[in-house]
C-alpha atoms as a PDB file:
ATOM      1  CA  MET A   1     -10.661  -7.226  -8.717  1.00  0.00           C
ATOM      2  CA  ARG A   2     -11.184  -4.410 -11.143  1.00  0.00           C
ATOM      3  CA  VAL A   3      -9.774  -1.136  -9.601  1.00  0.00           C
ATOM      4  CA  PHE A   4     -12.640   1.777  -9.610  1.00  0.00           C
ATOM      5  CA  ARG A   5     -11.770   5.230 -10.060  1.00  0.00           C
ATOM      6  CA  LEU A   6     -13.224   8.842 -11.014  1.00  0.00           C
ATOM      7  CA  GLY A   7     -15.151   8.802 -14.066  1.00  0.00           C
ATOM      8  CA  ASP A   8     -16.201   5.267 -13.837  1.00  0.00           C
ATOM      9  CA  HIS A   9     -20.080   3.836 -14.273  1.00  0.00           C
ATOM     10  CA  GLY A  10     -21.936   0.825 -13.309  1.00  0.00           C
ATOM     11  CA  SER A  11     -23.828  -1.445 -10.687  1.00  0.00           C
ATOM     12  CA  GLU A  12     -20.291  -2.165  -8.860  1.00  0.00           C
ATOM     13  CA  VAL A  13     -19.779   2.177  -8.636  1.00  0.00           C
ATOM     14  CA  LEU A  14     -23.533   2.064  -7.184  1.00  0.00           C
ATOM     15  CA  ASP A  15     -22.866  -0.992  -4.555  1.00  0.00           C
ATOM     16  CA  VAL A  16     -19.691   1.366  -3.354  1.00  0.00           C
ATOM     17  CA  GLN A  17     -21.759   4.321  -3.268  1.00  0.00           C
ATOM     18  CA  GLN A  18     -24.519   2.531  -1.036  1.00  0.00           C
ATOM     19  CA  ARG A  19     -22.084   1.657   1.450  1.00  0.00           C
ATOM     20  CA  LEU A  20     -20.466   5.169   1.734  1.00  0.00           C
ATOM     21  CA  ALA A  21     -24.120   6.367   2.189  1.00  0.00           C
ATOM     22  CA  ALA A  22     -24.710   4.071   4.933  1.00  0.00           C
ATOM     23  CA  LEU A  23     -21.874   4.792   6.710  1.00  0.00           C
ATOM     24  CA  GLY A  24     -22.759   8.559   6.669  1.00  0.00           C
ATOM     25  CA  TYR A  25     -20.888  10.195   3.942  1.00  0.00           C
ATOM     26  CA  ALA A  26     -22.456  12.846   1.660  1.00  0.00           C
ATOM     27  CA  LEU A  27     -22.521  12.218  -2.093  1.00  0.00           C
ATOM     28  CA  ALA A  28     -23.848  14.625  -4.827  1.00  0.00           C
ATOM     29  CA  PRO A  29     -27.474  13.346  -5.742  1.00  0.00           C
ATOM     30  CA  ASP A  30     -26.569  12.816  -9.495  1.00  0.00           C
ATOM     31  CA  GLU A  31     -23.937  10.702  -8.578  1.00  0.00           C
ATOM     32  CA  LEU A  32     -26.019   8.286  -7.312  1.00  0.00           C
ATOM     33  CA  ALA A  33     -26.943   6.222 -10.116  1.00  0.00           C
ATOM     34  CA  GLY A  34     -23.463   4.358 -10.427  1.00  0.00           C
ATOM     35  CA  TRP A  35     -21.635   7.481 -12.061  1.00  0.00           C
ATOM     36  CA  PHE A  36     -17.779   7.844  -9.614  1.00  0.00           C
ATOM     37  CA  GLY A  37     -17.901  11.469  -9.243  1.00  0.00           C
ATOM     38  CA  PRO A  38     -15.679  14.112  -7.363  1.00  0.00           C
ATOM     39  CA  SER A  39     -18.232  13.684  -4.465  1.00  0.00           C
ATOM     40  CA  THR A  40     -17.658   9.616  -4.721  1.00  0.00           C
ATOM     41  CA  GLU A  41     -13.886  10.219  -4.734  1.00  0.00           C
ATOM     42  CA  ALA A  42     -14.034  12.865  -2.177  1.00  0.00           C
ATOM     43  CA  ALA A  43     -15.949  10.305   0.104  1.00  0.00           C
ATOM     44  CA  ILE A  44     -13.292   7.266  -0.986  1.00  0.00           C
ATOM     45  CA  ARG A  45     -10.334   9.660   0.412  1.00  0.00           C
ATOM     46  CA  ALA A  46     -12.066  10.555   3.784  1.00  0.00           C
ATOM     47  CA  PHE A  47     -12.646   6.848   4.204  1.00  0.00           C
ATOM     48  CA  GLN A  48      -9.017   5.792   3.469  1.00  0.00           C
ATOM     49  CA  ASP A  49      -7.851   8.369   5.745  1.00  0.00           C
ATOM     50  CA  LEU A  50     -10.059   7.100   8.456  1.00  0.00           C
ATOM     51  CA  ARG A  51      -9.056   3.515   8.091  1.00  0.00           C
ATOM     52  CA  HIS A  52      -5.187   4.260   7.399  1.00  0.00           C
ATOM     53  CA  LEU A  53      -5.463   2.982   4.264  1.00  0.00           C
ATOM     54  CA  ARG A  54      -3.731   4.473   1.186  1.00  0.00           C
ATOM     55  CA  VAL A  55      -5.306   7.718   0.546  1.00  0.00           C
ATOM     56  CA  ASP A  56      -5.328   7.442  -3.457  1.00  0.00           C
ATOM     57  CA  GLY A  57      -8.987   7.916  -4.205  1.00  0.00           C
ATOM     58  CA  LEU A  58      -9.053   4.217  -5.825  1.00  0.00           C
ATOM     59  CA  VAL A  59     -11.320   1.505  -5.035  1.00  0.00           C
ATOM     60  CA  GLY A  60      -8.875  -1.643  -5.472  1.00  0.00           C
ATOM     61  CA  PRO A  61      -8.821  -4.758  -3.117  1.00  0.00           C
ATOM     62  CA  ASP A  62      -8.118  -3.292   0.444  1.00  0.00           C
ATOM     63  CA  THR A  63     -10.790  -0.347   0.382  1.00  0.00           C
ATOM     64  CA  TRP A  64     -13.539  -2.636  -1.150  1.00  0.00           C
ATOM     65  CA  MET A  65     -12.659  -5.053   1.763  1.00  0.00           C
ATOM     66  CA  GLN A  66     -12.967  -2.402   4.270  1.00  0.00           C
ATOM     67  CA  LEU A  67     -16.116  -0.589   2.872  1.00  0.00           C
ATOM     68  CA  VAL A  68     -17.749  -4.345   3.505  1.00  0.00           C
ATOM     69  CA  GLU A  69     -16.080  -4.978   6.977  1.00  0.00           C
ATOM     70  CA  ALA A  70     -17.240  -1.474   7.771  1.00  0.00           C
ATOM     71  CA  GLY A  71     -20.942  -2.117   7.746  1.00  0.00           C
ATOM     72  CA  PHE A  72     -20.684  -4.917  10.315  1.00  0.00           C
ATOM     73  CA  ARG A  73     -21.322  -3.788  13.981  1.00  0.00           C
ATOM     74  CA  LEU A  74     -20.571  -6.044  17.212  1.00  0.00           C
ATOM     75  CA  GLY A  75     -24.233  -7.792  17.758  1.00  0.00           C
ATOM     76  CA  ASP A  76     -25.295  -8.091  14.312  1.00  0.00           C
ATOM     77  CA  ARG A  77     -24.280 -11.590  14.011  1.00  0.00           C
ATOM     78  CA  THR A  78     -22.932 -14.481  15.715  1.00  0.00           C
ATOM     79  CA  LEU A  79     -19.360 -14.657  15.480  1.00  0.00           C
ATOM     80  CA  TYR A  80     -17.086 -18.023  15.894  1.00  0.00           C
ATOM     81  CA  LEU A  81     -14.096 -19.778  14.502  1.00  0.00           C
ATOM     82  CA  HIS A  82     -15.309 -20.544  10.815  1.00  0.00           C
ATOM     83  CA  ALA A  83     -13.687 -21.061   7.553  1.00  0.00           C
ATOM     84  CA  PRO A  84     -13.341 -18.702   5.646  1.00  0.00           C
ATOM     85  CA  ALA A  85     -12.860 -16.376   8.689  1.00  0.00           C
ATOM     86  CA  PHE A  86     -15.867 -13.830   9.598  1.00  0.00           C
ATOM     87  CA  ARG A  87     -13.947 -10.450   8.694  1.00  0.00           C
ATOM     88  CA  GLY A  88     -15.852  -6.945  10.174  1.00  0.00           C
ATOM     89  CA  ASP A  89     -15.505  -4.298  12.329  1.00  0.00           C
ATOM     90  CA  ASP A  90     -17.393  -6.372  14.747  1.00  0.00           C
ATOM     91  CA  VAL A  91     -14.544  -8.648  15.074  1.00  0.00           C
ATOM     92  CA  ARG A  92     -12.191  -5.882  15.161  1.00  0.00           C
ATOM     93  CA  GLU A  93     -14.331  -4.694  18.243  1.00  0.00           C
ATOM     94  CA  LEU A  94     -14.279  -8.102  19.793  1.00  0.00           C
ATOM     95  CA  GLN A  95     -10.743  -8.206  19.325  1.00  0.00           C
ATOM     96  CA  ARG A  96     -10.285  -4.764  21.304  1.00  0.00           C
ATOM     97  CA  LYS A  97     -12.743  -5.271  24.056  1.00  0.00           C
ATOM     98  CA  LEU A  98     -11.027  -8.397  25.102  1.00  0.00           C
ATOM     99  CA  ASN A  99      -7.434  -7.494  24.504  1.00  0.00           C
ATOM    100  CA  ALA A 100      -8.352  -4.716  26.945  1.00  0.00           C
ATOM    101  CA  LEU A 101      -9.496  -6.914  29.352  1.00  0.00           C
ATOM    102  CA  GLY A 102      -6.237  -8.771  28.916  1.00  0.00           C
ATOM    103  CA  PHE A 103      -7.486 -11.834  26.932  1.00  0.00           C
ATOM    104  CA  ASP A 104      -4.948 -11.893  23.917  1.00  0.00           C
ATOM    105  CA  ALA A 105      -6.799 -11.799  20.809  1.00  0.00           C
ATOM    106  CA  GLY A 106      -3.797 -11.262  18.532  1.00  0.00           C
ATOM    107  CA  LYS A 107      -3.487  -8.317  16.290  1.00  0.00           C
ATOM    108  CA  GLN A 108      -6.938  -6.270  15.942  1.00  0.00           C
ATOM    109  CA  ASP A 109      -6.879  -6.949  12.403  1.00  0.00           C
ATOM    110  CA  GLY A 110     -10.906  -7.834  11.992  1.00  0.00           C
ATOM    111  CA  VAL A 111     -10.114 -11.345  11.262  1.00  0.00           C
ATOM    112  CA  HIS A 112     -11.973 -13.949  13.070  1.00  0.00           C
ATOM    113  CA  GLY A 113      -8.705 -16.296  13.610  1.00  0.00           C
ATOM    114  CA  GLN A 114      -7.664 -19.198  16.081  1.00  0.00           C
ATOM    115  CA  ARG A 115      -6.276 -16.811  18.668  1.00  0.00           C
ATOM    116  CA  THR A 116      -9.090 -14.632  18.781  1.00  0.00           C
ATOM    117  CA  ASP A 117     -11.264 -17.844  19.124  1.00  0.00           C
ATOM    118  CA  LEU A 118      -8.934 -19.183  22.070  1.00  0.00           C
ATOM    119  CA  ALA A 119      -9.034 -15.401  23.736  1.00  0.00           C
ATOM    120  CA  VAL A 120     -12.868 -16.027  23.690  1.00  0.00           C
ATOM    121  CA  ARG A 121     -13.031 -19.097  25.036  1.00  0.00           C
ATOM    122  CA  GLU A 122     -10.620 -18.127  27.755  1.00  0.00           C
ATOM    123  CA  PHE A 123     -13.179 -15.160  28.477  1.00  0.00           C
ATOM    124  CA  GLN A 124     -15.989 -17.763  28.646  1.00  0.00           C
ATOM    125  CA  ARG A 125     -14.328 -19.984  31.210  1.00  0.00           C
ATOM    126  CA  ASN A 126     -13.141 -17.107  33.663  1.00  0.00           C
ATOM    127  CA  VAL A 127     -16.633 -15.827  34.031  1.00  0.00           C
ATOM    128  CA  GLY A 128     -18.366 -19.210  34.281  1.00  0.00           C
ATOM    129  CA  GLU A 129     -19.801 -19.496  30.478  1.00  0.00           C
ATOM    130  CA  GLU A 130     -19.643 -22.550  28.400  1.00  0.00           C
ATOM    131  CA  PRO A 131     -16.491 -22.179  26.628  1.00  0.00           C
ATOM    132  CA  ASP A 132     -17.869 -22.952  23.093  1.00  0.00           C
ATOM    133  CA  GLY A 133     -16.467 -20.080  21.316  1.00  0.00           C
ATOM    134  CA  MET A 134     -19.980 -18.622  20.302  1.00  0.00           C
ATOM    135  CA  VAL A 135     -20.047 -15.138  20.279  1.00  0.00           C
ATOM    136  CA  GLY A 136     -23.862 -14.282  20.486  1.00  0.00           C
ATOM    137  CA  LEU A 137     -25.693 -11.617  22.298  1.00  0.00           C
ATOM    138  CA  HIS A 138     -25.085 -13.072  25.708  1.00  0.00           C
ATOM    139  CA  THR A 139     -21.534 -13.311  25.454  1.00  0.00           C
ATOM    140  CA  ILE A 140     -21.365  -9.609  23.887  1.00  0.00           C
ATOM    141  CA  ALA A 141     -23.396  -8.491  26.843  1.00  0.00           C
ATOM    142  CA  THR A 142     -21.370 -10.288  29.416  1.00  0.00           C
ATOM    143  CA  ILE A 143     -18.218  -8.517  27.683  1.00  0.00           C
ATOM    144  CA  GLN A 144     -19.924  -4.998  27.822  1.00  0.00           C
ATOM    145  CA  ARG A 145     -20.449  -5.272  31.898  1.00  0.00           C
ATOM    146  CA  MET A 146     -17.080  -6.075  32.369  1.00  0.00           C
ATOM    147  CA  ARG A 147     -16.642  -2.576  30.996  1.00  0.00           C
ATOM    148  CA  PRO A 148     -13.210  -2.662  28.730  1.00  0.00           C
ATOM    149  CA  LEU A 149     -11.383   0.567  28.813  1.00  0.00           C
ATOM    150  CA  GLU A 150     -10.859   2.462  25.888  1.00  0.00           C
ATOM    151  CA  ASP A 151      -7.413   3.907  25.971  1.00  0.00           C
ATOM    152  CA  VAL A 152      -5.332   1.219  27.591  1.00  0.00           C
ATOM    153  CA  PRO A 153      -2.608  -1.133  25.722  1.00  0.00           C
ATOM    154  CA  SER A 154      -3.894  -3.703  24.064  1.00  0.00           C
ATOM    155  CA  ARG A 155      -2.599  -7.253  25.813  1.00  0.00           C
ATOM    156  CA  ALA A 156      -1.448  -8.352  21.930  1.00  0.00           C
ATOM    157  CA  VAL A 157       0.469  -5.206  21.672  1.00  0.00           C
ATOM    158  CA  VAL A 158       2.165  -5.973  24.890  1.00  0.00           C
ATOM    159  CA  ARG A 159       2.546  -9.387  24.129  1.00  0.00           C
ATOM    160  CA  GLU A 160       4.515  -8.286  20.838  1.00  0.00           C
ATOM    161  CA  GLY A 161       7.024  -6.148  22.709  1.00  0.00           C
ATOM    162  CA  GLU A 162       7.687  -8.386  25.046  1.00  0.00           C
ATOM    163  CA  GLU A 163       8.666 -10.714  22.246  1.00  0.00           C
ATOM    164  CA  LEU A 164      10.514  -7.940  20.092  1.00  0.00           C
ATOM    165  CA  ARG A 165      13.117  -7.111  23.543  1.00  0.00           C
ATOM    166  CA  GLY A 166      13.577 -10.745  23.090  1.00  0.00           C
ATOM    167  CA  MET A 167      14.211 -10.920  19.499  1.00  0.00           C
ATOM    168  CA  ARG A 168      18.321 -10.975  19.114  1.00  0.00           C
ATOM    169  CA  GLY A 169      20.772 -13.170  16.920  1.00  0.00           C
ATOM    170  CA  SER A 170      21.759 -13.618  13.823  1.00  0.00           C
ATOM    171  CA  ILE A 171      19.876 -12.911  10.468  1.00  0.00           C
ATOM    172  CA  GLU A 172      21.392 -16.156   8.629  1.00  0.00           C
ATOM    173  CA  GLY A 173      19.137 -18.769   8.143  1.00  0.00           C
ATOM    174  CA  LYS A 174      15.971 -16.619   8.982  1.00  0.00           C
ATOM    175  CA  VAL A 175      13.381 -17.066   6.082  1.00  0.00           C
ATOM    176  CA  ILE A 176      12.373 -13.664   4.603  1.00  0.00           C
ATOM    177  CA  VAL A 177       9.807 -12.668   2.001  1.00  0.00           C
ATOM    178  CA  VAL A 178       9.928 -10.712  -0.391  1.00  0.00           C
ATOM    179  CA  ASP A 179       6.429  -9.059  -1.988  1.00  0.00           C
ATOM    180  CA  PRO A 180       6.940  -6.877  -5.239  1.00  0.00           C
ATOM    181  CA  GLY A 181       3.144  -6.161  -4.562  1.00  0.00           C
ATOM    182  CA  ASN A 182       0.581  -6.806  -7.736  1.00  0.00           C
ATOM    183  CA  GLY A 183      -1.156  -4.371  -9.933  1.00  0.00           C
ATOM    184  CA  PRO A 184      -0.490  -0.721 -11.336  1.00  0.00           C
ATOM    185  CA  ALA A 185      -1.126   1.003  -7.712  1.00  0.00           C
ATOM    186  CA  ASP A 186       1.818  -0.621  -6.596  1.00  0.00           C
ATOM    187  CA  GLY A 187       4.252   1.013  -9.305  1.00  0.00           C
ATOM    188  CA  PRO A 188       5.327  -0.268 -12.432  1.00  0.00           C
ATOM    189  CA  GLU A 189       6.093  -3.960 -12.351  1.00  0.00           C
ATOM    190  CA  GLU A 190       9.420  -4.101 -14.013  1.00  0.00           C
ATOM    191  CA  VAL A 191      10.702  -1.658 -11.031  1.00  0.00           C
ATOM    192  CA  ARG A 192       9.051  -3.516  -8.495  1.00  0.00           C
ATOM    193  CA  GLU A 193      10.168  -6.946  -9.493  1.00  0.00           C
ATOM    194  CA  ALA A 194      13.974  -5.555 -10.064  1.00  0.00           C
ATOM    195  CA  MET A 195      13.675  -4.253  -6.489  1.00  0.00           C
ATOM    196  CA  ALA A 196      12.577  -7.501  -5.342  1.00  0.00           C
ATOM    197  CA  ALA A 197      15.151  -9.371  -7.055  1.00  0.00           C
ATOM    198  CA  SER A 198      17.961  -7.342  -5.755  1.00  0.00           C
ATOM    199  CA  VAL A 199      16.933  -7.354  -2.289  1.00  0.00           C
ATOM    200  CA  ALA A 200      16.413 -11.064  -2.236  1.00  0.00           C
ATOM    201  CA  GLN A 201      20.125 -11.053  -3.503  1.00  0.00           C
ATOM    202  CA  GLU A 202      21.400  -9.036  -0.982  1.00  0.00           C
ATOM    203  CA  LEU A 203      19.659 -10.786   1.961  1.00  0.00           C
ATOM    204  CA  ALA A 204      20.677 -14.333   0.456  1.00  0.00           C
ATOM    205  CA  GLY A 205      24.238 -12.582   0.765  1.00  0.00           C
ATOM    206  CA  LEU A 206      23.837 -12.065   4.766  1.00  0.00           C
ATOM    207  CA  GLY A 207      22.697 -15.581   4.990  1.00  0.00           C
ATOM    208  CA  ALA A 208      19.579 -15.213   5.080  1.00  0.00           C
ATOM    209  CA  LYS A 209      16.335 -17.454   2.870  1.00  0.00           C
ATOM    210  CA  PRO A 210      14.937 -15.020   0.848  1.00  0.00           C
ATOM    211  CA  GLU A 211      11.485 -15.874  -0.852  1.00  0.00           C
ATOM    212  CA  ILE A 212      10.131 -13.730  -3.634  1.00  0.00           C
ATOM    213  CA  LEU A 213       6.107 -14.194  -3.887  1.00  0.00           C
ATOM    214  CA  HIS A 214       5.128 -14.220  -7.660  1.00  0.00           C
ATOM    215  CA  GLY A 215       1.517 -14.874  -8.957  1.00  0.00           C
ATOM    216  CA  ASP A 216      -1.181 -12.705 -10.843  1.00  0.00           C
ATOM    217  CA  THR A 217      -3.398 -12.426  -7.933  1.00  0.00           C
ATOM    218  CA  VAL A 218      -3.787  -8.954  -6.468  1.00  0.00           C
ATOM    219  CA  ALA A 219      -5.900  -9.972  -3.581  1.00  0.00           C
ATOM    220  CA  PRO A 220      -3.848  -8.840  -0.367  1.00  0.00           C
ATOM    221  CA  SER A 221      -5.205 -11.495   1.763  1.00  0.00           C
ATOM    222  CA  ASP A 222      -3.967 -14.386  -1.075  1.00  0.00           C
ATOM    223  CA  ARG A 223      -0.518 -12.773  -0.893  1.00  0.00           C
ATOM    224  CA  ALA A 224      -0.596 -12.277   3.442  1.00  0.00           C
ATOM    225  CA  ARG A 225      -1.576 -16.358   3.307  1.00  0.00           C
ATOM    226  CA  ALA A 226       1.185 -17.161   0.702  1.00  0.00           C
ATOM    227  CA  ALA A 227       3.933 -15.313   3.411  1.00  0.00           C
ATOM    228  CA  ASN A 228       2.355 -17.135   6.372  1.00  0.00           C
ATOM    229  CA  GLU A 229       2.505 -20.631   4.982  1.00  0.00           C
ATOM    230  CA  LEU A 230       6.283 -20.184   4.309  1.00  0.00           C
ATOM    231  CA  GLY A 231       6.570 -19.351   7.991  1.00  0.00           C
ATOM    232  CA  ALA A 232       8.606 -16.504   7.566  1.00  0.00           C
ATOM    233  CA  SER A 233      10.465 -14.560   9.951  1.00  0.00           C
ATOM    234  CA  LEU A 234       9.778 -11.082   8.259  1.00  0.00           C
ATOM    235  CA  CYS A 235       7.995  -9.502   5.200  1.00  0.00           C
ATOM    236  CA  VAL A 236       8.975  -6.802   3.593  1.00  0.00           C
ATOM    237  CA  SER A 237       6.696  -5.356   0.236  1.00  0.00           C
ATOM    238  CA  VAL A 238       8.565  -3.058  -2.327  1.00  0.00           C
ATOM    239  CA  HIS A 239       6.252  -0.639  -3.643  1.00  0.00           C
ATOM    240  CA  LEU A 240       6.968   2.433  -6.038  1.00  0.00           C
ATOM    241  CA  GLY A 241       3.416   4.084  -5.810  1.00  0.00           C
ATOM    242  CA  GLY A 242       3.175   7.506  -6.795  1.00  0.00           C
ATOM    243  CA  GLY A 243       2.245  10.462  -5.277  1.00  0.00           C
ATOM    244  CA  VAL A 244       1.827  14.379  -5.652  1.00  0.00           C
ATOM    245  CA  PRO A 245       4.737  15.997  -7.208  1.00  0.00           C
ATOM    246  CA  GLU A 246       5.656  17.948  -4.090  1.00  0.00           C
ATOM    247  CA  ALA A 247       6.477  14.478  -2.270  1.00  0.00           C
ATOM    248  CA  SER A 248       9.378  13.263  -1.623  1.00  0.00           C
ATOM    249  CA  GLY A 249      11.785  10.760   0.374  1.00  0.00           C
ATOM    250  CA  PRO A 250      11.293   7.289   1.333  1.00  0.00           C
ATOM    251  CA  THR A 251       7.948   6.183   3.016  1.00  0.00           C
ATOM    252  CA  CYS A 252       7.936   2.918   5.469  1.00  0.00           C
ATOM    253  CA  SER A 253       4.593   1.473   6.488  1.00  0.00           C
ATOM    254  CA  TYR A 254       3.907  -1.153   9.219  1.00  0.00           C
ATOM    255  CA  PHE A 255       0.732  -2.162  10.658  1.00  0.00           C
ATOM    256  CA  GLY A 256      -1.386   0.217  12.700  1.00  0.00           C
ATOM    257  CA  SER A 257      -4.605   1.816  13.083  1.00  0.00           C
ATOM    258  CA  ALA A 258      -5.904   4.452  15.271  1.00  0.00           C
ATOM    259  CA  THR A 259      -6.570   2.219  18.096  1.00  0.00           C
ATOM    260  CA  THR A 260      -3.561  -0.214  18.019  1.00  0.00           C
ATOM    261  CA  TYR A 261      -0.142  -1.104  15.910  1.00  0.00           C
ATOM    262  CA  SER A 262       2.448  -3.589  15.662  1.00  0.00           C
ATOM    263  CA  PRO A 263       5.684  -2.864  17.749  1.00  0.00           C
ATOM    264  CA  ALA A 264       7.743  -5.242  15.632  1.00  0.00           C
ATOM    265  CA  GLY A 265       6.735  -3.791  12.375  1.00  0.00           C
ATOM    266  CA  ARG A 266       7.270  -0.315  13.829  1.00  0.00           C
ATOM    267  CA  ARG A 267      10.849  -1.437  14.880  1.00  0.00           C
ATOM    268  CA  LEU A 268      11.377  -2.734  11.243  1.00  0.00           C
ATOM    269  CA  ALA A 269       9.958  -0.090   9.464  1.00  0.00           C
ATOM    270  CA  GLU A 270      12.067   2.706  11.554  1.00  0.00           C
ATOM    271  CA  LEU A 271      15.506   0.480  11.120  1.00  0.00           C
ATOM    272  CA  ILE A 272      14.900   0.144   7.259  1.00  0.00           C
ATOM    273  CA  LEU A 273      13.856   4.040   6.590  1.00  0.00           C
ATOM    274  CA  GLU A 274      16.985   5.186   8.684  1.00  0.00           C
ATOM    275  CA  GLU A 275      19.027   2.807   6.006  1.00  0.00           C
ATOM    276  CA  LEU A 276      16.995   4.339   3.118  1.00  0.00           C
ATOM    277  CA  GLU A 277      17.284   7.886   4.655  1.00  0.00           C
ATOM    278  CA  ARG A 278      21.066   7.605   4.350  1.00  0.00           C
ATOM    279  CA  GLU A 279      21.333   5.811   0.684  1.00  0.00           C
ATOM    280  CA  PHE A 280      19.429   8.629  -0.786  1.00  0.00           C
ATOM    281  CA  GLY A 281      20.517  11.655   1.644  1.00  0.00           C
ATOM    282  CA  ARG A 282      16.337  12.132   1.341  1.00  0.00           C
ATOM    283  CA  ARG A 283      14.094  12.774   4.632  1.00  0.00           C
ATOM    284  CA  GLY A 284      11.201  10.335   5.319  1.00  0.00           C
ATOM    285  CA  ARG A 285       8.692   9.211   6.985  1.00  0.00           C
ATOM    286  CA  LEU A 286       6.694   6.631   8.965  1.00  0.00           C
ATOM    287  CA  GLN A 287       3.299   5.323   8.187  1.00  0.00           C
ATOM    288  CA  ARG A 288       0.545   3.397   9.879  1.00  0.00           C
ATOM    289  CA  LEU A 289      -1.779   1.516   7.626  1.00  0.00           C
ATOM    290  CA  THR A 290      -3.947  -1.667   7.633  1.00  0.00           C
ATOM    291  CA  VAL A 291      -3.499  -2.556   4.029  1.00  0.00           C
ATOM    292  CA  GLY A 292      -3.649  -6.786   3.897  1.00  0.00           C
ATOM    293  CA  MET A 293       0.003  -7.520   3.595  1.00  0.00           C
ATOM    294  CA  LEU A 294       0.271  -5.618   7.076  1.00  0.00           C
ATOM    295  CA  ARG A 295      -2.476  -6.509   9.117  1.00  0.00           C
ATOM    296  CA  GLU A 296      -2.970 -10.656   7.720  1.00  0.00           C
ATOM    297  CA  THR A 297       0.567 -11.550   7.913  1.00  0.00           C
ATOM    298  CA  ARG A 298       1.686 -12.944  11.411  1.00  0.00           C
ATOM    299  CA  MET A 299       5.094 -11.849  11.489  1.00  0.00           C
ATOM    300  CA  PRO A 300       6.763  -8.459  11.406  1.00  0.00           C
ATOM    301  CA  ALA A 301       5.917  -7.205   7.901  1.00  0.00           C
ATOM    302  CA  VAL A 302       6.491  -3.502   6.371  1.00  0.00           C
ATOM    303  CA  GLN A 303       5.500  -1.657   2.789  1.00  0.00           C
ATOM    304  CA  VAL A 304       8.426  -0.122   1.555  1.00  0.00           C
ATOM    305  CA  GLU A 305       8.090   3.037  -0.923  1.00  0.00           C
ATOM    306  CA  PRO A 306      12.050   3.796  -1.443  1.00  0.00           C
ATOM    307  CA  LEU A 307      11.451   7.284  -3.499  1.00  0.00           C
ATOM    308  CA  VAL A 308       8.242   9.062  -5.206  1.00  0.00           C
ATOM    309  CA  ALA A 309       7.875   8.218  -8.939  1.00  0.00           C
ATOM    310  CA  THR A 310       5.884  11.292  -9.504  1.00  0.00           C
ATOM    311  CA  ASN A 311       8.740  13.603  -8.350  1.00  0.00           C
ATOM    312  CA  GLU A 312      10.998  14.737 -11.100  1.00  0.00           C
ATOM    313  CA  LEU A 313      14.249  14.542  -9.349  1.00  0.00           C
ATOM    314  CA  GLU A 314      13.543  11.046  -7.490  1.00  0.00           C
ATOM    315  CA  ALA A 315      12.231  10.280 -10.744  1.00  0.00           C
ATOM    316  CA  SER A 316      15.477  10.502 -12.587  1.00  0.00           C
ATOM    317  CA  LEU A 317      16.923   8.249  -9.269  1.00  0.00           C
ATOM    318  CA  ILE A 318      14.380   5.632  -9.940  1.00  0.00           C
ATOM    319  CA  ASP A 319      15.754   5.260 -14.072  1.00  0.00           C
ATOM    320  CA  ASP A 320      19.163   4.649 -12.945  1.00  0.00           C
ATOM    321  CA  GLU A 321      20.202   1.185 -13.086  1.00  0.00           C
ATOM    322  CA  GLY A 322      21.763   1.600  -9.888  1.00  0.00           C
ATOM    323  CA  PHE A 323      18.433   1.834  -8.131  1.00  0.00           C
ATOM    324  CA  PRO A 324      17.302  -1.607  -7.307  1.00  0.00           C
ATOM    325  CA  PRO A 325      20.558  -2.527  -5.411  1.00  0.00           C
ATOM    326  CA  ARG A 326      20.664   0.728  -3.584  1.00  0.00           C
ATOM    327  CA  VAL A 327      17.229  -0.160  -2.106  1.00  0.00           C
ATOM    328  CA  ALA A 328      18.350  -3.915  -1.692  1.00  0.00           C
ATOM    329  CA  ARG A 329      21.215  -2.603   0.560  1.00  0.00           C
ATOM    330  CA  ALA A 330      18.897  -0.619   2.735  1.00  0.00           C
ATOM    331  CA  VAL A 331      16.214  -2.993   3.328  1.00  0.00           C
ATOM    332  CA  ALA A 332      18.601  -5.633   3.975  1.00  0.00           C
ATOM    333  CA  GLY A 333      21.020  -3.298   6.190  1.00  0.00           C
ATOM    334  CA  GLY A 334      17.492  -2.986   8.321  1.00  0.00           C
ATOM    335  CA  ALA A 335      16.858  -6.243   8.147  1.00  0.00           C
ATOM    336  CA  ARG A 336      19.861  -7.519   9.569  1.00  0.00           C
ATOM    337  CA  ARG A 337      19.776  -4.486  12.131  1.00  0.00           C
ATOM    338  CA  PHE A 338      16.422  -5.934  13.182  1.00  0.00           C
ATOM    339  CA  PHE A 339      17.685  -8.966  13.980  1.00  0.00           C
ATOM    340  CA  GLY A 340      20.977  -7.884  15.593  1.00  0.00           C
END
């Protein structure tokens, strides 16, 4: 899809503004005719920050998808296993409540997939209802009567943590997806492709089976689906986004929102960040994100931004021909330690 930004006009911008207004964001009256002005950009940034998205003020695929999803509340529609899957905040709330009650609905990603369907049917059986997987007003009312707690760790997080503790072995033979991102927001294509190729080469040298995602699509859900179909053990997205010039150092992101996160994704992000900090001598940061490549992949997944392209000093490191191999050593080293 087209990326919308400050200064754009049109019916698509008006659609974005109407969705923002419905969510309670205040927009300047003179912008409500479909002009992407300063108040629209400020509202987008606030929305992105709340949803744990990249805060850049741009309406790309991830931001647009979550704007649409934010318009659904639990009970607005009947939910069930469907192709394409239902997506929305109503699904996310259903997953949260089921997980809090001890029924493993999987990652709270807002996508009504197989695991969520199984959790619904298990819940229905436990309360003596027909286990048909249909989440209508009756099933929702039954869930609400169970008073699921708000602040308990979900069954999905507990399960993934247990799996992580038992995840020991070698990186040899493991299929690892390397995603170079897609689109200008992810950084210059030639640098991303060079980093991905170097990471794949380094992983292959450790005995892993790297698979680089290619293609012209920018839809995060399509790239995540491709990674899932490969049956990968890990997924690493290498980006080179910009930022304020004062920003510096590597950023490693894993799936996480205000209410949930991926324990395995966090562990992988921690290990790769340690290796990047050692390689470049720059302090970095961990970050929770709900972008499609992290929330819709079924394996531990991370998004890696080795340095900040808009930082003058780090830009010179990025321009050096030795930059991609240095990134590759750090990423592969973190992946090896993850399995070890």
